[in-house]
Amino acid sequence: MKKMCLIFLALALLAVFGLRAYFAFVPPPEASLGQSLADILPNKMPGWEITDHDMAKSPEASARVSNFLNFDDAIFRSYRRGDTLIGVYVAYWKPGKASYRWAGSHTPDTCWIINGWTRCDRKYSIPFKTKNQEFEPAEFGVYEKNGTTQKVYFWHLVGGKANAYKQKKHSYYLNALKDIQKHGLNQRKEQFFVRLSSNKDIEILSQLKGFNDITDAMLDLNMQKKTS
């Protein structure tokens, strides 16, 4: 049994290193992002106060973490109208820039908790629709800190497909093989992390003038639900 395990591990290592060598000579896929994130998300909406924030001051990051994540583009923009606050956080990595597993750990379940938030509710891979489009399945959680509650929808998109978030602890090489099984041999697709958060429920937000402008802009991030 021990010998079989060693043989399997050796074959797995050869497969991983062989794929790395192969893709070193194959160019990554084309990026879909053709303009800056700041230009995609609405920066003017009647009746709304719009503010761009320092990425390092977001619940996802500190200055050290933001630098380490090495985004190709990122934005943290808030929309306020009366007592309604909406936050949109988007990070983008070009094809081949970051591993799926590292980018996939950039979630409220880790970053918000580290920054003092408490997770009160969590749902995995749920439908997210607007009046104009069905999105890739969203992750959802409710987080609380110092009396402030945020309802958070978020996505880790790999080549336009939502990545799963129920992560298990395995060895690096077994995780690499699992990524190949899920995403195919080309492990260099572009990635987005998108977070939509608010102090109001989605049912209330969907009735507000301007909210659909935000979600329609998010569709330019290749977030439409894929059929395959």
Protein backbone atom coordinates (compact mmCIF):
# COMPACT_ATOMS: atom_id res chain seq x y z
CA MET A 1 0.00 0.00 0.00
CA LYS A 2 2.79 2.37 0.92
CA LYS A 3 4.56 1.60 -2.35
CA MET A 4 1.40 2.37 -4.34
CA CYS A 5 1.03 5.70 -2.56
CA LEU A 6 4.61 6.61 -3.40
CA ILE A 7 4.06 5.68 -7.06
CA PHE A 8 0.89 7.78 -7.18
CA LEU A 9 2.67 10.75 -5.58
CA ALA A 10 5.56 10.44 -8.05
CA LEU A 11 3.15 10.39 -11.01
CA ALA A 12 1.29 13.37 -9.61
CA LEU A 13 4.51 15.34 -9.21
CA LEU A 14 5.58 14.49 -12.75
CA ALA A 15 2.19 15.61 -14.08
CA VAL A 16 2.30 18.93 -12.25
CA PHE A 17 5.89 19.75 -13.21
CA GLY A 18 5.26 18.57 -16.78
CA LEU A 19 2.30 20.90 -17.14
CA ARG A 20 4.30 23.78 -15.72
CA ALA A 21 7.05 23.18 -18.26
CA TYR A 22 4.51 22.88 -21.09
CA PHE A 23 2.70 26.11 -20.30
CA ALA A 24 5.98 27.97 -19.95
CA PHE A 25 6.08 27.87 -23.76
CA VAL A 26 2.35 28.45 -24.40
CA PRO A 27 1.02 32.02 -24.23
CA PRO A 28 -1.83 32.72 -21.79
CA PRO A 29 -5.36 33.46 -23.08
CA GLU A 30 -6.42 36.96 -24.05
CA ALA A 31 -7.79 39.26 -21.33
CA SER A 32 -11.42 40.36 -21.56
CA LEU A 33 -10.98 43.58 -19.59
CA GLY A 34 -10.56 46.38 -22.11
CA GLN A 35 -10.87 49.43 -19.87
CA SER A 36 -10.19 50.46 -16.29
CA LEU A 37 -12.50 49.31 -13.54
CA ALA A 38 -12.96 52.93 -12.51
CA ASP A 39 -14.48 53.66 -15.92
CA ILE A 40 -16.75 50.61 -15.86
CA LEU A 41 -18.51 51.24 -12.55
CA PRO A 42 -20.84 54.29 -12.44
CA ASN A 43 -19.14 57.41 -11.11
CA LYS A 44 -22.21 59.65 -11.36
CA MET A 45 -25.78 58.80 -10.39
CA PRO A 46 -28.45 61.42 -9.55
CA GLY A 47 -29.28 61.41 -5.85
CA TRP A 48 -26.27 59.29 -4.87
CA GLU A 49 -23.04 60.33 -3.13
CA ILE A 50 -20.20 58.36 -4.71
CA THR A 51 -16.78 57.94 -3.10
CA ASP A 52 -13.63 56.07 -4.14
CA HIS A 53 -11.70 54.62 -1.21
CA ASP A 54 -8.11 53.57 -0.67
CA MET A 55 -7.93 49.85 -1.40
CA ALA A 56 -5.76 49.35 1.68
CA LYS A 57 -8.62 50.65 3.85
CA SER A 58 -11.14 48.12 2.57
CA PRO A 59 -12.27 45.25 4.83
CA GLU A 60 -10.44 42.89 2.43
CA ALA A 61 -6.99 44.34 2.83
CA SER A 62 -4.30 46.20 4.67
CA ALA A 63 -1.54 48.10 2.86
CA ARG A 64 0.71 45.05 3.21
CA VAL A 65 -1.90 42.64 1.85
CA SER A 66 -2.86 44.93 -1.04
CA ASN A 67 0.74 45.08 -2.19
CA PHE A 68 1.18 41.34 -1.80
CA LEU A 69 -1.95 40.53 -3.84
CA ASN A 70 -0.40 42.41 -6.77
CA PHE A 71 -3.60 43.34 -8.60
CA ASP A 72 -3.50 44.46 -12.21
CA ASP A 73 -6.45 46.74 -11.47
CA ALA A 74 -8.67 47.27 -8.45
CA ILE A 75 -11.32 49.62 -7.12
CA PHE A 76 -13.28 50.14 -3.91
CA ARG A 77 -16.23 52.49 -4.58
CA SER A 78 -19.19 53.29 -2.33
CA TYR A 79 -22.64 54.64 -3.15
CA ARG A 80 -24.67 56.41 -0.46
CA ARG A 81 -28.26 57.61 -0.62
CA GLY A 82 -29.91 58.60 2.66
CA ASP A 83 -29.34 55.73 5.07
CA THR A 84 -28.54 53.27 2.27
CA LEU A 85 -24.90 52.40 1.67
CA ILE A 86 -23.65 50.15 -1.13
CA GLY A 87 -20.02 49.10 -1.49
CA VAL A 88 -18.49 47.65 -4.63
CA TYR A 89 -15.01 46.14 -4.46
CA VAL A 90 -13.36 44.65 -7.54
CA ALA A 91 -9.88 43.18 -7.92
CA TYR A 92 -8.55 41.99 -11.27
CA TRP A 93 -5.65 39.76 -12.28
CA LYS A 94 -4.60 39.33 -15.90
CA PRO A 95 -4.28 35.80 -17.32
CA GLY A 96 -1.44 33.95 -15.64
CA LYS A 97 -0.87 36.62 -12.98
CA ALA A 98 -2.04 34.83 -9.81
CA SER A 99 -2.81 31.27 -8.77
CA TYR A 100 -6.50 30.41 -8.50
CA ARG A 101 -6.02 29.13 -4.98
CA TRP A 102 -4.39 32.33 -3.70
CA ALA A 103 -6.89 34.68 -5.36
CA GLY A 104 -9.69 32.41 -4.14
CA SER A 105 -8.66 32.92 -0.52
CA HIS A 106 -9.29 36.68 -0.86
CA THR A 107 -12.80 36.55 0.64
CA PRO A 108 -14.79 38.05 3.53
CA ASP A 109 -14.57 34.65 5.22
CA THR A 110 -10.87 35.25 5.69
CA CYS A 111 -10.09 38.94 5.22
CA TRP A 112 -13.13 40.41 6.98
CA ILE A 113 -12.83 38.00 9.89
CA ILE A 114 -9.15 38.87 10.30
CA ASN A 115 -10.16 42.54 10.39
CA GLY A 116 -12.57 42.02 13.28
CA TRP A 117 -15.88 41.19 11.60
CA THR A 118 -18.12 38.36 12.81
CA ARG A 119 -19.83 36.09 10.30
CA CYS A 120 -23.51 35.72 11.19
CA ASP A 121 -24.77 33.85 8.15
CA ARG A 122 -23.28 32.12 5.09
CA LYS A 123 -24.74 30.62 1.91
CA TYR A 124 -22.80 29.01 -0.92
CA SER A 125 -23.35 29.25 -4.68
CA ILE A 126 -26.78 30.90 -4.71
CA PRO A 127 -28.65 32.46 -7.67
CA PHE A 128 -28.20 36.17 -8.26
CA LYS A 129 -30.48 37.92 -10.74
CA THR A 130 -31.38 41.44 -11.75
CA LYS A 131 -34.16 42.54 -14.05
CA ASN A 132 -31.71 42.48 -16.97
CA GLN A 133 -29.54 39.40 -16.43
CA GLU A 134 -28.77 36.28 -14.43
CA PHE A 135 -25.28 36.33 -12.96
CA GLU A 136 -22.87 33.54 -12.19
CA PRO A 137 -23.79 31.96 -8.81
CA ALA A 138 -22.87 34.19 -5.88
CA GLU A 139 -21.48 33.54 -2.44
CA PHE A 140 -23.45 35.28 0.33
CA GLY A 141 -22.74 36.17 3.90
CA VAL A 142 -23.89 38.50 6.66
CA TYR A 143 -21.09 40.11 8.66
CA GLU A 144 -21.21 42.32 11.76
CA LYS A 145 -18.74 44.65 13.44
CA ASN A 146 -19.30 47.28 16.13
CA GLY A 147 -23.05 47.27 15.58
CA THR A 148 -22.76 47.55 11.79
CA THR A 149 -24.26 44.76 9.69
CA GLN A 150 -23.37 44.15 6.05
CA LYS A 151 -25.09 41.81 3.60
CA VAL A 152 -22.37 40.68 1.23
CA TYR A 153 -22.54 39.00 -2.17
CA PHE A 154 -19.21 38.04 -3.67
CA TRP A 155 -17.71 36.17 -6.58
CA HIS A 156 -14.32 34.75 -7.49
CA LEU A 157 -14.47 34.50 -11.28
CA VAL A 158 -11.96 32.34 -13.13
CA GLY A 159 -12.25 32.81 -16.88
CA GLY A 160 -15.79 34.11 -16.34
CA LYS A 161 -16.92 31.13 -14.22
CA ALA A 162 -17.65 31.35 -10.50
CA ASN A 163 -15.12 29.45 -8.42
CA ALA A 164 -16.24 27.41 -5.40
CA TYR A 165 -15.40 28.60 -1.88
CA LYS A 166 -15.78 25.52 0.27
CA GLN A 167 -12.06 24.97 0.59
CA LYS A 168 -10.37 21.91 2.07
CA LYS A 169 -6.84 21.62 3.36
CA HIS A 170 -4.74 19.44 1.09
CA SER A 171 -1.13 19.39 -0.01
CA TYR A 172 -0.04 21.91 -2.64
CA TYR A 173 0.29 19.26 -5.34
CA LEU A 174 -3.07 17.63 -4.62
CA ASN A 175 -4.68 21.07 -4.75
CA ALA A 176 -2.98 21.69 -8.09
CA LEU A 177 -4.42 18.44 -9.44
CA LYS A 178 -7.88 19.40 -8.16
CA ASP A 179 -7.58 22.76 -9.97
CA ILE A 180 -6.70 20.92 -13.18
CA GLN A 181 -9.72 18.65 -12.73
CA LYS A 182 -12.02 21.64 -12.25
CA HIS A 183 -10.60 24.23 -14.64
CA GLY A 184 -8.79 22.14 -17.23
CA LEU A 185 -5.15 22.16 -18.23
CA ASN A 186 -4.91 25.89 -18.83
CA GLN A 187 -4.41 27.28 -15.33
CA ARG A 188 -3.77 30.85 -16.48
CA LYS A 189 -7.20 32.35 -17.03
CA GLU A 190 -7.95 35.90 -15.95
CA GLN A 191 -9.55 36.39 -12.55
CA PHE A 192 -11.91 38.83 -10.89
CA PHE A 193 -12.87 39.11 -7.26
CA VAL A 194 -16.12 41.08 -7.02
CA ARG A 195 -17.87 42.06 -3.82
CA LEU A 196 -21.26 43.82 -3.56
CA SER A 197 -22.17 44.77 0.00
CA SER A 198 -24.86 46.85 1.66
CA ASN A 199 -26.57 47.59 4.93
CA LYS A 200 -29.89 46.86 3.18
CA ASP A 201 -31.40 43.65 1.84
CA ILE A 202 -31.21 43.00 -1.89
CA GLU A 203 -35.02 43.24 -2.16
CA ILE A 204 -34.86 46.86 -0.97
CA LEU A 205 -31.87 47.71 -3.16
CA SER A 206 -33.54 46.38 -6.29
CA GLN A 207 -36.32 48.94 -5.85
CA LEU A 208 -33.94 51.90 -5.69
CA LYS A 209 -33.30 54.00 -8.76
CA GLY A 210 -29.63 53.65 -9.67
CA PHE A 211 -29.03 50.18 -8.26
CA ASN A 212 -29.55 48.56 -11.66
CA ASP A 213 -26.93 50.95 -13.07
CA ILE A 214 -24.42 49.38 -10.70
CA THR A 215 -25.38 45.79 -11.45
CA ASP A 216 -25.55 46.45 -15.21
CA ALA A 217 -21.99 47.79 -15.03
CA MET A 218 -20.91 44.64 -13.20
CA LEU A 219 -22.00 42.63 -16.24
CA ASP A 220 -19.08 44.20 -18.11
CA LEU A 221 -16.84 42.13 -15.83
CA ASN A 222 -17.95 38.96 -17.66
CA MET A 223 -20.28 37.98 -14.81
CA GLN A 224 -23.20 36.68 -16.88
CA LYS A 225 -24.21 33.13 -16.03
CA LYS A 226 -22.51 30.61 -18.30
CA THR A 227 -24.46 27.64 -19.59
CA SER A 228 -21.48 25.28 -19.62
